[in-house]
PDB file of all heavy atoms in Angstrom:
ATOM      1  N   SER A   1       0.850  -1.189   0.000  1.00  0.00           N
ATOM      2  CA  SER A   1       0.000   0.000   0.000  1.00  0.00           C
ATOM      3  C   SER A   1       0.885   1.238   0.000  1.00  0.00           C
ATOM      4  O   SER A   1       1.678   1.451   0.910  1.00  0.00           O
ATOM      5  CB  SER A   1      -0.940  -0.003   1.199  1.00  0.00           C
ATOM      6  OG  SER A   1      -0.227  -0.014   2.392  1.00  0.00           O
ATOM      7  N   ASP A   2       0.748   2.047  -1.058  1.00  0.00           N
ATOM      8  CA  ASP A   2       1.567   3.241  -1.195  1.00  0.00           C
ATOM      9  C   ASP A   2       0.829   4.241  -2.074  1.00  0.00           C
ATOM     10  O   ASP A   2      -0.001   3.864  -2.890  1.00  0.00           O
ATOM     11  CB  ASP A   2       2.923   2.892  -1.804  1.00  0.00           C
ATOM     12  CG  ASP A   2       3.968   3.956  -1.570  1.00  0.00           C
ATOM     13  OD1 ASP A   2       3.677   4.950  -0.877  1.00  0.00           O
ATOM     14  OD2 ASP A   2       5.089   3.802  -2.079  1.00  0.00           O
ATOM     15  N   ALA A   3       1.139   5.490  -1.914  1.00  0.00           N
ATOM     16  CA  ALA A   3       0.513   6.546  -2.705  1.00  0.00           C
ATOM     17  C   ALA A   3       1.521   7.646  -2.970  1.00  0.00           C
ATOM     18  O   ALA A   3       2.494   7.799  -2.234  1.00  0.00           O
ATOM     19  CB  ALA A   3      -0.702   7.105  -1.966  1.00  0.00           C
ATOM     20  N   VAL A   4       1.289   8.399  -4.036  1.00  0.00           N
ATOM     21  CA  VAL A   4       2.140   9.539  -4.368  1.00  0.00           C
ATOM     22  C   VAL A   4       1.258  10.732  -4.717  1.00  0.00           C
ATOM     23  O   VAL A   4       0.128  10.571  -5.177  1.00  0.00           O
ATOM     24  CB  VAL A   4       3.106   9.241  -5.541  1.00  0.00           C
ATOM     25  CG1 VAL A   4       4.126   8.199  -5.159  1.00  0.00           C
ATOM     26  CG2 VAL A   4       2.361   8.818  -6.783  1.00  0.00           C
ATOM     27  N   ILE A   5       1.788  11.918  -4.499  1.00  0.00           N
ATOM     28  CA  ILE A   5       1.115  13.155  -4.891  1.00  0.00           C
ATOM     29  C   ILE A   5       1.605  13.492  -6.291  1.00  0.00           C
ATOM     30  O   ILE A   5       2.818  13.549  -6.533  1.00  0.00           O
ATOM     31  CB  ILE A   5       1.442  14.283  -3.894  1.00  0.00           C
ATOM     32  CG1 ILE A   5       1.045  13.857  -2.479  1.00  0.00           C
ATOM     33  CG2 ILE A   5       0.743  15.580  -4.298  1.00  0.00           C
ATOM     34  CD1 ILE A   5       1.625  14.723  -1.387  1.00  0.00           C
ATOM     35  N   ILE A   6       0.672  13.706  -7.234  1.00  0.00           N
ATOM     36  CA  ILE A   6       1.076  13.824  -8.641  1.00  0.00           C
ATOM     37  C   ILE A   6       0.785  15.202  -9.249  1.00  0.00           C
ATOM     38  O   ILE A   6       0.698  15.325 -10.455  1.00  0.00           O
ATOM     39  CB  ILE A   6       0.428  12.706  -9.489  1.00  0.00           C
ATOM     40  CG1 ILE A   6      -1.085  12.738  -9.394  1.00  0.00           C
ATOM     41  CG2 ILE A   6       0.965  11.344  -9.074  1.00  0.00           C
ATOM     42  CD1 ILE A   6      -1.782  11.778 -10.352  1.00  0.00           C
ATOM     43  N   ASN A   7       0.680  16.245  -8.428  1.00  0.00           N
ATOM     44  CA  ASN A   7       0.447  17.599  -8.948  1.00  0.00           C
ATOM     45  C   ASN A   7       1.687  18.168  -9.610  1.00  0.00           C
ATOM     46  O   ASN A   7       2.813  17.756  -9.330  1.00  0.00           O
ATOM     47  CB  ASN A   7       0.054  18.550  -7.813  1.00  0.00           C
ATOM     48  CG  ASN A   7      -1.364  18.392  -7.387  1.00  0.00           C
ATOM     49  OD1 ASN A   7      -1.711  17.369  -6.814  1.00  0.00           O
ATOM     50  ND2 ASN A   7      -2.188  19.391  -7.649  1.00  0.00           N
ATOM     51  N   ASP A   8       1.472  19.176 -10.436  1.00  0.00           N
ATOM     52  CA  ASP A   8       2.541  20.021 -10.948  1.00  0.00           C
ATOM     53  C   ASP A   8       2.833  21.050  -9.852  1.00  0.00           C
ATOM     54  O   ASP A   8       1.949  21.834  -9.491  1.00  0.00           O
ATOM     55  CB  ASP A   8       2.081  20.709 -12.232  1.00  0.00           C
ATOM     56  CG  ASP A   8       3.092  21.695 -12.773  1.00  0.00           C
ATOM     57  OD1 ASP A   8       4.186  21.846 -12.178  1.00  0.00           O
ATOM     58  OD2 ASP A   8       2.790  22.332 -13.795  1.00  0.00           O
ATOM     59  N   PRO A   9       4.034  21.077  -9.291  1.00  0.00           N
ATOM     60  CA  PRO A   9       4.303  21.969  -8.149  1.00  0.00           C
ATOM     61  C   PRO A   9       4.232  23.463  -8.490  1.00  0.00           C
ATOM     62  O   PRO A   9       4.088  24.286  -7.607  1.00  0.00           O
ATOM     63  CB  PRO A   9       5.707  21.577  -7.702  1.00  0.00           C
ATOM     64  CG  PRO A   9       6.303  20.864  -8.841  1.00  0.00           C
ATOM     65  CD  PRO A   9       5.190  20.266  -9.631  1.00  0.00           C
ATOM     66  N   GLU A  10       4.293  23.811  -9.755  1.00  0.00           N
ATOM     67  CA  GLU A  10       4.233  25.222 -10.152  1.00  0.00           C
ATOM     68  C   GLU A  10       2.830  25.643 -10.578  1.00  0.00           C
ATOM     69  O   GLU A  10       2.596  26.812 -10.874  1.00  0.00           O
ATOM     70  CB  GLU A  10       5.215  25.481 -11.314  1.00  0.00           C
ATOM     71  CG  GLU A  10       6.664  25.237 -10.956  1.00  0.00           C
ATOM     72  CD  GLU A  10       7.202  26.275  -9.978  1.00  0.00           C
ATOM     73  OE1 GLU A  10       6.770  27.445 -10.020  1.00  0.00           O
ATOM     74  OE2 GLU A  10       8.055  25.898  -9.145  1.00  0.00           O
ATOM     75  N   ASN A  11       1.888  24.696 -10.644  1.00  0.00           N
ATOM     76  CA  ASN A  11       0.549  25.009 -11.153  1.00  0.00           C
ATOM     77  C   ASN A  11      -0.504  24.232 -10.368  1.00  0.00           C
ATOM     78  O   ASN A  11      -1.057  23.250 -10.857  1.00  0.00           O
ATOM     79  CB  ASN A  11       0.484  24.672 -12.646  1.00  0.00           C
ATOM     80  CG  ASN A  11      -0.779  25.177 -13.283  1.00  0.00           C
ATOM     81  OD1 ASN A  11      -1.460  26.042 -12.757  1.00  0.00           O
ATOM     82  ND2 ASN A  11      -1.110  24.621 -14.429  1.00  0.00           N
ATOM     83  N   ILE A  12      -0.791  24.663  -9.155  1.00  0.00           N
ATOM     84  CA  ILE A  12      -1.787  24.013  -8.301  1.00  0.00           C
ATOM     85  C   ILE A  12      -3.173  24.545  -8.673  1.00  0.00           C
ATOM     86  O   ILE A  12      -3.394  25.761  -8.662  1.00  0.00           O
ATOM     87  CB  ILE A  12      -1.498  24.284  -6.807  1.00  0.00           C
ATOM     88  CG1 ILE A  12      -0.101  23.795  -6.421  1.00  0.00           C
ATOM     89  CG2 ILE A  12      -2.561  23.662  -5.908  1.00  0.00           C
ATOM     90  CD1 ILE A  12       0.129  22.320  -6.600  1.00  0.00           C
ATOM     91  N   PRO A  13      -4.124  23.661  -9.008  1.00  0.00           N
ATOM     92  CA  PRO A  13      -5.478  24.131  -9.317  1.00  0.00           C
ATOM     93  C   PRO A  13      -6.119  24.795  -8.089  1.00  0.00           C
ATOM     94  O   PRO A  13      -6.065  24.260  -6.989  1.00  0.00           O
ATOM     95  CB  PRO A  13      -6.235  22.854  -9.681  1.00  0.00           C
ATOM     96  CG  PRO A  13      -5.174  21.857 -10.023  1.00  0.00           C
ATOM     97  CD  PRO A  13      -3.983  22.218  -9.207  1.00  0.00           C
ATOM     98  N   VAL A  14      -6.703  25.979  -8.308  1.00  0.00           N
ATOM     99  CA  VAL A  14      -7.329  26.753  -7.235  1.00  0.00           C
ATOM    100  C   VAL A  14      -8.707  27.188  -7.713  1.00  0.00           C
ATOM    101  O   VAL A  14      -8.878  27.610  -8.855  1.00  0.00           O
ATOM    102  CB  VAL A  14      -6.481  28.000  -6.879  1.00  0.00           C
ATOM    103  CG1 VAL A  14      -7.128  28.788  -5.764  1.00  0.00           C
ATOM    104  CG2 VAL A  14      -5.078  27.598  -6.493  1.00  0.00           C
ATOM    105  N   ALA A  15      -9.690  27.086  -6.816  1.00  0.00           N
ATOM    106  CA  ALA A  15     -11.042  27.534  -7.126  1.00  0.00           C
ATOM    107  C   ALA A  15     -11.562  28.355  -5.956  1.00  0.00           C
ATOM    108  O   ALA A  15     -11.086  28.219  -4.833  1.00  0.00           O
ATOM    109  CB  ALA A  15     -11.949  26.334  -7.387  1.00  0.00           C
ATOM    110  N   GLY A  16     -12.570  29.204  -6.228  1.00  0.00           N
ATOM    111  CA  GLY A  16     -13.199  29.987  -5.166  1.00  0.00           C
ATOM    112  C   GLY A  16     -12.635  31.383  -5.073  1.00  0.00           C
ATOM    113  O   GLY A  16     -11.681  31.753  -5.757  1.00  0.00           O
ATOM    114  N   THR A  17     -13.245  32.170  -4.185  1.00  0.00           N
ATOM    115  CA  THR A  17     -12.837  33.562  -4.010  1.00  0.00           C
ATOM    116  C   THR A  17     -12.232  33.813  -2.643  1.00  0.00           C
ATOM    117  O   THR A  17     -11.843  34.922  -2.337  1.00  0.00           O
ATOM    118  CB  THR A  17     -14.059  34.479  -4.198  1.00  0.00           C
ATOM    119  OG1 THR A  17     -15.069  34.102  -3.264  1.00  0.00           O
ATOM    120  CG2 THR A  17     -14.607  34.387  -5.608  1.00  0.00           C
ATOM    121  N   GLY A  18     -12.190  32.853  -1.805  1.00  0.00           N
ATOM    122  CA  GLY A  18     -11.587  32.978  -0.485  1.00  0.00           C
ATOM    123  C   GLY A  18     -12.593  32.630   0.594  1.00  0.00           C
ATOM    124  O   GLY A  18     -13.664  33.198   0.594  1.00  0.00           O
ATOM    125  N   PRO A  19     -12.302  31.670   1.452  1.00  0.00           N
ATOM    126  CA  PRO A  19     -11.103  30.839   1.360  1.00  0.00           C
ATOM    127  C   PRO A  19     -11.118  30.000   0.081  1.00  0.00           C
ATOM    128  O   PRO A  19     -12.176  29.647  -0.425  1.00  0.00           O
ATOM    129  CB  PRO A  19     -11.172  29.964   2.600  1.00  0.00           C
ATOM    130  CG  PRO A  19     -12.586  29.962   3.028  1.00  0.00           C
ATOM    131  CD  PRO A  19     -13.181  31.245   2.533  1.00  0.00           C
ATOM    132  N   TYR A  20      -9.943  29.709  -0.401  1.00  0.00           N
ATOM    133  CA  TYR A  20      -9.795  29.037  -1.683  1.00  0.00           C
ATOM    134  C   TYR A  20      -9.830  27.518  -1.528  1.00  0.00           C
ATOM    135  O   TYR A  20      -9.545  26.979  -0.458  1.00  0.00           O
ATOM    136  CB  TYR A  20      -8.470  29.446  -2.343  1.00  0.00           C
ATOM    137  CG  TYR A  20      -8.402  30.917  -2.647  1.00  0.00           C
ATOM    138  CD1 TYR A  20      -7.680  31.773  -1.836  1.00  0.00           C
ATOM    139  CD2 TYR A  20      -9.081  31.445  -3.737  1.00  0.00           C
ATOM    140  CE1 TYR A  20      -7.622  33.131  -2.109  1.00  0.00           C
ATOM    141  CE2 TYR A  20      -9.034  32.804  -4.012  1.00  0.00           C
ATOM    142  CZ  TYR A  20      -8.308  33.644  -3.199  1.00  0.00           C
ATOM    143  OH  TYR A  20      -8.259  34.987  -3.455  1.00  0.00           O
ATOM    144  N   ASN A  21     -10.170  26.851  -2.619  1.00  0.00           N
ATOM    145  CA  ASN A  21     -10.136  25.386  -2.681  1.00  0.00           C
ATOM    146  C   ASN A  21      -8.907  24.990  -3.497  1.00  0.00           C
ATOM    147  O   ASN A  21      -8.873  25.204  -4.712  1.00  0.00           O
ATOM    148  CB  ASN A  21     -11.398  24.827  -3.335  1.00  0.00           C
ATOM    149  CG  ASN A  21     -12.623  25.035  -2.487  1.00  0.00           C
ATOM    150  OD1 ASN A  21     -12.551  24.970  -1.271  1.00  0.00           O
ATOM    151  ND2 ASN A  21     -13.745  25.298  -3.113  1.00  0.00           N
ATOM    152  N   TYR A  22      -7.901  24.454  -2.833  1.00  0.00           N
ATOM    153  CA  TYR A  22      -6.688  23.980  -3.496  1.00  0.00           C
ATOM    154  C   TYR A  22      -6.857  22.491  -3.769  1.00  0.00           C
ATOM    155  O   TYR A  22      -7.227  21.730  -2.880  1.00  0.00           O
ATOM    156  CB  TYR A  22      -5.463  24.235  -2.619  1.00  0.00           C
ATOM    157  CG  TYR A  22      -5.248  25.697  -2.340  1.00  0.00           C
ATOM    158  CD1 TYR A  22      -5.768  26.275  -1.191  1.00  0.00           C
ATOM    159  CD2 TYR A  22      -4.547  26.499  -3.233  1.00  0.00           C
ATOM    160  CE1 TYR A  22      -5.596  27.623  -0.931  1.00  0.00           C
ATOM    161  CE2 TYR A  22      -4.367  27.851  -2.979  1.00  0.00           C
ATOM    162  CZ  TYR A  22      -4.896  28.408  -1.831  1.00  0.00           C
ATOM    163  OH  TYR A  22      -4.724  29.742  -1.578  1.00  0.00           O
ATOM    164  N   ILE A  23      -6.571  22.085  -4.998  1.00  0.00           N
ATOM    165  CA  ILE A  23      -6.810  20.701  -5.406  1.00  0.00           C
ATOM    166  C   ILE A  23      -5.475  19.976  -5.557  1.00  0.00           C
ATOM    167  O   ILE A  23      -4.597  20.418  -6.302  1.00  0.00           O
ATOM    168  CB  ILE A  23      -7.611  20.639  -6.718  1.00  0.00           C
ATOM    169  CG1 ILE A  23      -8.964  21.331  -6.520  1.00  0.00           C
ATOM    170  CG2 ILE A  23      -7.808  19.196  -7.160  1.00  0.00           C
ATOM    171  CD1 ILE A  23      -9.737  21.562  -7.798  1.00  0.00           C
ATOM    172  N   PHE A  24      -5.355  18.868  -4.827  1.00  0.00           N
ATOM    173  CA  PHE A  24      -4.164  18.025  -4.901  1.00  0.00           C
ATOM    174  C   PHE A  24      -4.595  16.632  -5.352  1.00  0.00           C
ATOM    175  O   PHE A  24      -5.597  16.104  -4.885  1.00  0.00           O
ATOM    176  CB  PHE A  24      -3.465  17.961  -3.537  1.00  0.00           C
ATOM    177  CG  PHE A  24      -3.009  19.300  -3.045  1.00  0.00           C
ATOM    178  CD1 PHE A  24      -3.779  20.023  -2.149  1.00  0.00           C
ATOM    179  CD2 PHE A  24      -1.818  19.848  -3.499  1.00  0.00           C
ATOM    180  CE1 PHE A  24      -3.375  21.272  -1.713  1.00  0.00           C
ATOM    181  CE2 PHE A  24      -1.402  21.095  -3.063  1.00  0.00           C
ATOM    182  CZ  PHE A  24      -2.182  21.818  -2.170  1.00  0.00           C
ATOM    183  N   TYR A  25      -3.821  16.057  -6.268  1.00  0.00           N
ATOM    184  CA  TYR A  25      -4.125  14.734  -6.793  1.00  0.00           C
ATOM    185  C   TYR A  25      -3.220  13.705  -6.131  1.00  0.00           C
ATOM    186  O   TYR A  25      -2.016  13.929  -6.008  1.00  0.00           O
ATOM    187  CB  TYR A  25      -3.932  14.697  -8.314  1.00  0.00           C
ATOM    188  CG  TYR A  25      -4.900  15.591  -9.043  1.00  0.00           C
ATOM    189  CD1 TYR A  25      -4.539  16.883  -9.406  1.00  0.00           C
ATOM    190  CD2 TYR A  25      -6.180  15.144  -9.357  1.00  0.00           C
ATOM    191  CE1 TYR A  25      -5.428  17.717 -10.067  1.00  0.00           C
ATOM    192  CE2 TYR A  25      -7.077  15.977 -10.016  1.00  0.00           C
ATOM    193  CZ  TYR A  25      -6.694  17.258 -10.365  1.00  0.00           C
ATOM    194  OH  TYR A  25      -7.576  18.062 -11.003  1.00  0.00           O
ATOM    195  N   ILE A  26      -3.809  12.610  -5.720  1.00  0.00           N
ATOM    196  CA  ILE A  26      -3.050  11.530  -5.087  1.00  0.00           C
ATOM    197  C   ILE A  26      -3.357  10.245  -5.837  1.00  0.00           C
ATOM    198  O   ILE A  26      -4.507   9.966  -6.188  1.00  0.00           O
ATOM    199  CB  ILE A  26      -3.374  11.423  -3.577  1.00  0.00           C
ATOM    200  CG1 ILE A  26      -2.474  10.409  -2.896  1.00  0.00           C
ATOM    201  CG2 ILE A  26      -4.826  11.134  -3.338  1.00  0.00           C
ATOM    202  CD1 ILE A  26      -2.524  10.463  -1.377  1.00  0.00           C
ATOM    203  N   LYS A  27      -2.310   9.481  -6.122  1.00  0.00           N
ATOM    204  CA  LYS A  27      -2.463   8.229  -6.872  1.00  0.00           C
ATOM    205  C   LYS A  27      -2.024   7.060  -6.005  1.00  0.00           C
ATOM    206  O   LYS A  27      -0.971   7.108  -5.371  1.00  0.00           O
ATOM    207  CB  LYS A  27      -1.618   8.268  -8.143  1.00  0.00           C
ATOM    208  CG  LYS A  27      -1.757   7.017  -8.991  1.00  0.00           C
ATOM    209  CD  LYS A  27      -1.002   7.129 -10.297  1.00  0.00           C
ATOM    210  CE  LYS A  27      -1.240   5.898 -11.137  1.00  0.00           C
ATOM    211  NZ  LYS A  27      -0.581   5.997 -12.443  1.00  0.00           N
ATOM    212  N   ASN A  28      -2.847   6.013  -5.987  1.00  0.00           N
ATOM    213  CA  ASN A  28      -2.496   4.781  -5.287  1.00  0.00           C
ATOM    214  C   ASN A  28      -1.564   3.992  -6.199  1.00  0.00           C
ATOM    215  O   ASN A  28      -1.989   3.486  -7.235  1.00  0.00           O
ATOM    216  CB  ASN A  28      -3.760   3.978  -4.965  1.00  0.00           C
ATOM    217  CG  ASN A  28      -3.463   2.699  -4.220  1.00  0.00           C
ATOM    218  OD1 ASN A  28      -2.313   2.331  -3.999  1.00  0.00           O
ATOM    219  ND2 ASN A  28      -4.510   1.997  -3.834  1.00  0.00           N
ATOM    220  N   VAL A  29      -0.300   3.882  -5.828  1.00  0.00           N
ATOM    221  CA  VAL A  29       0.677   3.143  -6.630  1.00  0.00           C
ATOM    222  C   VAL A  29       0.991   1.780  -6.015  1.00  0.00           C
ATOM    223  O   VAL A  29       1.910   1.098  -6.455  1.00  0.00           O
ATOM    224  CB  VAL A  29       1.973   3.955  -6.840  1.00  0.00           C
ATOM    225  CG1 VAL A  29       1.713   5.180  -7.687  1.00  0.00           C
ATOM    226  CG2 VAL A  29       2.597   4.337  -5.513  1.00  0.00           C
ATOM    227  N   GLY A  30       0.222   1.389  -5.016  1.00  0.00           N
ATOM    228  CA  GLY A  30       0.421   0.098  -4.368  1.00  0.00           C
ATOM    229  C   GLY A  30      -0.446  -0.986  -4.990  1.00  0.00           C
ATOM    230  O   GLY A  30      -1.161  -0.767  -5.962  1.00  0.00           O
ATOM    231  N   LYS A  31      -0.400  -2.161  -4.407  1.00  0.00           N
ATOM    232  CA  LYS A  31      -1.166  -3.309  -4.883  1.00  0.00           C
ATOM    233  C   LYS A  31      -2.450  -3.522  -4.089  1.00  0.00           C
ATOM    234  O   LYS A  31      -3.237  -4.393  -4.412  1.00  0.00           O
ATOM    235  CB  LYS A  31      -0.309  -4.581  -4.791  1.00  0.00           C
ATOM    236  CG  LYS A  31       0.997  -4.501  -5.528  1.00  0.00           C
ATOM    237  CD  LYS A  31       0.811  -4.790  -6.973  1.00  0.00           C
ATOM    238  CE  LYS A  31       2.176  -4.863  -7.650  1.00  0.00           C
ATOM    239  NZ  LYS A  31       2.180  -4.275  -8.953  1.00  0.00           N
ATOM    240  N   GLU A  32      -2.649  -2.750  -3.009  1.00  0.00           N
ATOM    241  CA  GLU A  32      -3.824  -2.872  -2.150  1.00  0.00           C
ATOM    242  C   GLU A  32      -4.602  -1.562  -2.177  1.00  0.00           C
ATOM    243  O   GLU A  32      -4.035  -0.497  -2.393  1.00  0.00           O
ATOM    244  CB  GLU A  32      -3.400  -3.155  -0.698  1.00  0.00           C
ATOM    245  CG  GLU A  32      -2.594  -4.405  -0.494  1.00  0.00           C
ATOM    246  CD  GLU A  32      -3.451  -5.644  -0.370  1.00  0.00           C
ATOM    247  OE1 GLU A  32      -4.617  -5.516   0.030  1.00  0.00           O
ATOM    248  OE2 GLU A  32      -2.948  -6.727  -0.683  1.00  0.00           O
ATOM    249  N   SER A  33      -5.902  -1.639  -1.926  1.00  0.00           N
ATOM    250  CA  SER A  33      -6.714  -0.432  -1.793  1.00  0.00           C
ATOM    251  C   SER A  33      -6.312   0.305  -0.522  1.00  0.00           C
ATOM    252  O   SER A  33      -5.932  -0.314   0.465  1.00  0.00           O
ATOM    253  CB  SER A  33      -8.194  -0.791  -1.708  1.00  0.00           C
ATOM    254  OG  SER A  33      -8.631  -1.315  -2.932  1.00  0.00           O
ATOM    255  N   ILE A  34      -6.373   1.624  -0.574  1.00  0.00           N
ATOM    256  CA  ILE A  34      -6.101   2.415   0.619  1.00  0.00           C
ATOM    257  C   ILE A  34      -7.372   3.192   0.974  1.00  0.00           C
ATOM    258  O   ILE A  34      -8.120   3.613   0.104  1.00  0.00           O
ATOM    259  CB  ILE A  34      -4.902   3.373   0.446  1.00  0.00           C
ATOM    260  CG1 ILE A  34      -5.101   4.333  -0.725  1.00  0.00           C
ATOM    261  CG2 ILE A  34      -3.623   2.624   0.300  1.00  0.00           C
ATOM    262  CD1 ILE A  34      -4.025   5.388  -0.838  1.00  0.00           C
ATOM    263  N   THR A  35      -7.598   3.343   2.270  1.00  0.00           N
ATOM    264  CA  THR A  35      -8.753   4.089   2.742  1.00  0.00           C
ATOM    265  C   THR A  35      -8.565   5.554   2.387  1.00  0.00           C
ATOM    266  O   THR A  35      -7.519   6.136   2.627  1.00  0.00           O
ATOM    267  CB  THR A  35      -8.909   3.922   4.261  1.00  0.00           C
ATOM    268  OG1 THR A  35      -8.959   2.531   4.564  1.00  0.00           O
ATOM    269  CG2 THR A  35     -10.172   4.584   4.753  1.00  0.00           C
ATOM    270  N   PHE A  36      -9.588   6.138   1.778  1.00  0.00           N
ATOM    271  CA  PHE A  36      -9.513   7.520   1.293  1.00  0.00           C
ATOM    272  C   PHE A  36     -10.641   8.319   1.922  1.00  0.00           C
ATOM    273  O   PHE A  36     -11.682   8.559   1.326  1.00  0.00           O
ATOM    274  CB  PHE A  36      -9.607   7.519  -0.240  1.00  0.00           C
ATOM    275  CG  PHE A  36      -9.193   8.806  -0.892  1.00  0.00           C
ATOM    276  CD1 PHE A  36      -7.911   9.288  -0.758  1.00  0.00           C
ATOM    277  CD2 PHE A  36     -10.091   9.520  -1.661  1.00  0.00           C
ATOM    278  CE1 PHE A  36      -7.525  10.470  -1.370  1.00  0.00           C
ATOM    279  CE2 PHE A  36      -9.716  10.705  -2.279  1.00  0.00           C
ATOM    280  CZ  PHE A  36      -8.432  11.175  -2.139  1.00  0.00           C
ATOM    281  N   SER A  37     -10.427   8.696   3.188  1.00  0.00           N
ATOM    282  CA  SER A  37     -11.420   9.504   3.901  1.00  0.00           C
ATOM    283  C   SER A  37     -10.686  10.461   4.827  1.00  0.00           C
ATOM    284  O   SER A  37      -9.519  10.239   5.171  1.00  0.00           O
ATOM    285  CB  SER A  37     -12.374   8.616   4.697  1.00  0.00           C
ATOM    286  OG  SER A  37     -11.709   8.034   5.793  1.00  0.00           O
ATOM    287  N   SER A  38     -11.381  11.516   5.245  1.00  0.00           N
ATOM    288  CA  SER A  38     -10.737  12.508   6.112  1.00  0.00           C
ATOM    289  C   SER A  38     -10.432  11.943   7.492  1.00  0.00           C
ATOM    290  O   SER A  38      -9.646  12.523   8.234  1.00  0.00           O
ATOM    291  CB  SER A  38     -11.614  13.756   6.225  1.00  0.00           C
ATOM    292  OG  SER A  38     -12.890  13.417   6.715  1.00  0.00           O
TER     293      SER A  38
END
């Protein structure tokens, strides 16, 4: 079970007018499912 963050570090997607919504992409690169909850 492993994951990596796959964003472009110079171009983070942002939405909203404040507070902003910053979007980060995470990819499961392991062989098992990983729990994806807050």
